[in-house]
Amino acid sequence: MFTRTELELLTLAQLKILCNRYGLRPTGSGAYKVGWEATAPNLGYILKTN
C-alpha cells in the first residue's frame, strides 16, 4: 500500500503507468495528477486480494 507522501512524489506519467498496469482508471480527470493519486491507494487492496 502506498502512503499519500509516496504518491505525491510520483510523476503523472508514473501514476498512470502504475494504475494502468492494474486496470484502474483515475477519479475525475486523467489529465490531472490528483485524479490518479486518489485512485492509486486502492492498489494495496487489489494486490492483497489477487
N, C-alpha and C. Protein backbone atom coordinates (compact mmCIF):
# COMPACT_ATOMS: atom_id res chain seq x y z
N MET A 1 0.84 -1.17 0.00
CA MET A 1 0.00 0.00 0.00
C MET A 1 0.89 1.24 0.00
N PHE A 2 0.43 2.28 -0.62
CA PHE A 2 1.21 3.50 -0.75
C PHE A 2 0.71 4.56 0.21
N THR A 3 1.64 5.31 0.76
CA THR A 3 1.25 6.45 1.58
C THR A 3 0.97 7.63 0.66
N ARG A 4 0.29 8.60 1.18
CA ARG A 4 -0.02 9.80 0.40
C ARG A 4 1.28 10.49 -0.06
N THR A 5 2.27 10.51 0.83
CA THR A 5 3.54 11.14 0.51
C THR A 5 4.24 10.42 -0.64
N GLU A 6 4.22 9.09 -0.62
CA GLU A 6 4.84 8.32 -1.70
C GLU A 6 4.16 8.62 -3.04
N LEU A 7 2.85 8.73 -3.03
CA LEU A 7 2.11 9.02 -4.25
C LEU A 7 2.40 10.43 -4.77
N GLU A 8 2.55 11.38 -3.86
CA GLU A 8 2.81 12.75 -4.27
C GLU A 8 4.19 12.90 -4.91
N LEU A 9 5.11 12.00 -4.59
CA LEU A 9 6.45 12.06 -5.16
C LEU A 9 6.51 11.48 -6.58
N LEU A 10 5.53 10.69 -6.97
CA LEU A 10 5.50 10.11 -8.30
C LEU A 10 5.07 11.17 -9.32
N THR A 11 5.58 11.04 -10.52
CA THR A 11 5.16 11.95 -11.60
C THR A 11 3.80 11.49 -12.13
N LEU A 12 3.18 12.33 -12.91
CA LEU A 12 1.89 11.98 -13.52
C LEU A 12 2.05 10.73 -14.38
N ALA A 13 3.12 10.67 -15.15
CA ALA A 13 3.37 9.50 -16.02
C ALA A 13 3.54 8.22 -15.19
N GLN A 14 4.25 8.30 -14.08
CA GLN A 14 4.45 7.13 -13.22
C GLN A 14 3.13 6.65 -12.62
N LEU A 15 2.29 7.59 -12.18
CA LEU A 15 0.99 7.23 -11.63
C LEU A 15 0.11 6.55 -12.67
N LYS A 16 0.13 7.08 -13.89
CA LYS A 16 -0.66 6.49 -14.97
C LYS A 16 -0.22 5.06 -15.26
N ILE A 17 1.08 4.86 -15.34
CA ILE A 17 1.61 3.52 -15.61
C ILE A 17 1.22 2.56 -14.50
N LEU A 18 1.38 2.98 -13.27
CA LEU A 18 1.06 2.14 -12.12
C LEU A 18 -0.41 1.74 -12.11
N CYS A 19 -1.28 2.69 -12.31
CA CYS A 19 -2.72 2.40 -12.29
C CYS A 19 -3.15 1.59 -13.51
N ASN A 20 -2.63 1.94 -14.68
CA ASN A 20 -3.00 1.20 -15.89
C ASN A 20 -2.56 -0.25 -15.84
N ARG A 21 -1.46 -0.52 -15.18
CA ARG A 21 -0.96 -1.89 -15.05
C ARG A 21 -1.99 -2.78 -14.37
N TYR A 22 -2.78 -2.21 -13.47
CA TYR A 22 -3.78 -2.97 -12.72
C TYR A 22 -5.21 -2.66 -13.16
N GLY A 23 -5.35 -1.97 -14.27
CA GLY A 23 -6.67 -1.70 -14.81
C GLY A 23 -7.48 -0.66 -14.07
N LEU A 24 -6.81 0.23 -13.35
CA LEU A 24 -7.51 1.28 -12.61
C LEU A 24 -7.62 2.54 -13.44
N ARG A 25 -8.74 3.21 -13.31
CA ARG A 25 -8.96 4.49 -14.01
C ARG A 25 -8.91 5.61 -12.97
N PRO A 26 -8.59 6.81 -13.43
CA PRO A 26 -8.49 7.93 -12.48
C PRO A 26 -9.86 8.33 -11.94
N THR A 27 -9.83 8.91 -10.77
CA THR A 27 -11.03 9.51 -10.20
C THR A 27 -11.08 10.93 -10.77
N GLY A 28 -12.10 11.23 -11.54
CA GLY A 28 -12.17 12.53 -12.20
C GLY A 28 -11.36 12.53 -13.48
N SER A 29 -10.69 13.62 -13.75
CA SER A 29 -9.95 13.78 -15.00
C SER A 29 -8.58 13.11 -14.94
N GLY A 30 -8.25 12.36 -15.98
CA GLY A 30 -6.95 11.71 -16.06
C GLY A 30 -5.84 12.67 -16.45
N ALA A 31 -6.20 13.89 -16.77
CA ALA A 31 -5.20 14.89 -17.16
C ALA A 31 -4.52 15.52 -15.95
N TYR A 32 -5.08 15.29 -14.77
CA TYR A 32 -4.54 15.89 -13.56
C TYR A 32 -4.03 14.82 -12.60
N LYS A 33 -2.92 15.11 -11.98
CA LYS A 33 -2.27 14.17 -11.06
C LYS A 33 -3.18 13.76 -9.91
N VAL A 34 -3.98 14.68 -9.41
CA VAL A 34 -4.83 14.40 -8.26
C VAL A 34 -5.84 13.27 -8.55
N GLY A 35 -6.29 13.16 -9.79
CA GLY A 35 -7.21 12.08 -10.14
C GLY A 35 -6.57 10.71 -10.02
N TRP A 36 -5.30 10.62 -10.36
CA TRP A 36 -4.57 9.36 -10.24
C TRP A 36 -4.15 9.10 -8.79
N GLU A 37 -3.82 10.15 -8.06
CA GLU A 37 -3.43 9.99 -6.65
C GLU A 37 -4.58 9.45 -5.82
N ALA A 38 -5.79 9.83 -6.17
CA ALA A 38 -6.97 9.36 -5.43
C ALA A 38 -7.25 7.89 -5.72
N THR A 39 -6.88 7.42 -6.90
CA THR A 39 -7.13 6.04 -7.29
C THR A 39 -6.05 5.09 -6.80
N ALA A 40 -4.81 5.49 -6.82
CA ALA A 40 -3.68 4.62 -6.53
C ALA A 40 -3.71 3.94 -5.15
N PRO A 41 -4.23 4.55 -4.09
CA PRO A 41 -4.25 3.83 -2.81
C PRO A 41 -5.05 2.53 -2.87
N ASN A 42 -5.92 2.37 -3.83
CA ASN A 42 -6.68 1.13 -3.97
C ASN A 42 -5.80 -0.04 -4.40
N LEU A 43 -4.62 0.23 -4.88
CA LEU A 43 -3.71 -0.83 -5.31
C LEU A 43 -3.39 -1.79 -4.19
N GLY A 44 -3.21 -1.28 -3.00
CA GLY A 44 -2.91 -2.15 -1.85
C GLY A 44 -3.98 -3.20 -1.67
N TYR A 45 -5.22 -2.82 -1.76
CA TYR A 45 -6.34 -3.75 -1.62
C TYR A 45 -6.36 -4.75 -2.77
N ILE A 46 -6.15 -4.27 -3.97
CA ILE A 46 -6.19 -5.13 -5.16
C ILE A 46 -5.07 -6.17 -5.10
N LEU A 47 -3.88 -5.74 -4.72
CA LEU A 47 -2.75 -6.65 -4.67
C LEU A 47 -2.91 -7.70 -3.58
N LYS A 48 -3.55 -7.37 -2.48
CA LYS A 48 -3.78 -8.32 -1.39
C LYS A 48 -4.80 -9.38 -1.78
N THR A 49 -5.81 -9.01 -2.57
CA THR A 49 -6.87 -9.94 -2.90
C THR A 49 -6.54 -10.82 -4.09
N ASN A 50 -5.49 -10.51 -4.84
CA ASN A 50 -5.14 -11.32 -6.02
C ASN A 50 -4.09 -12.33 -5.68
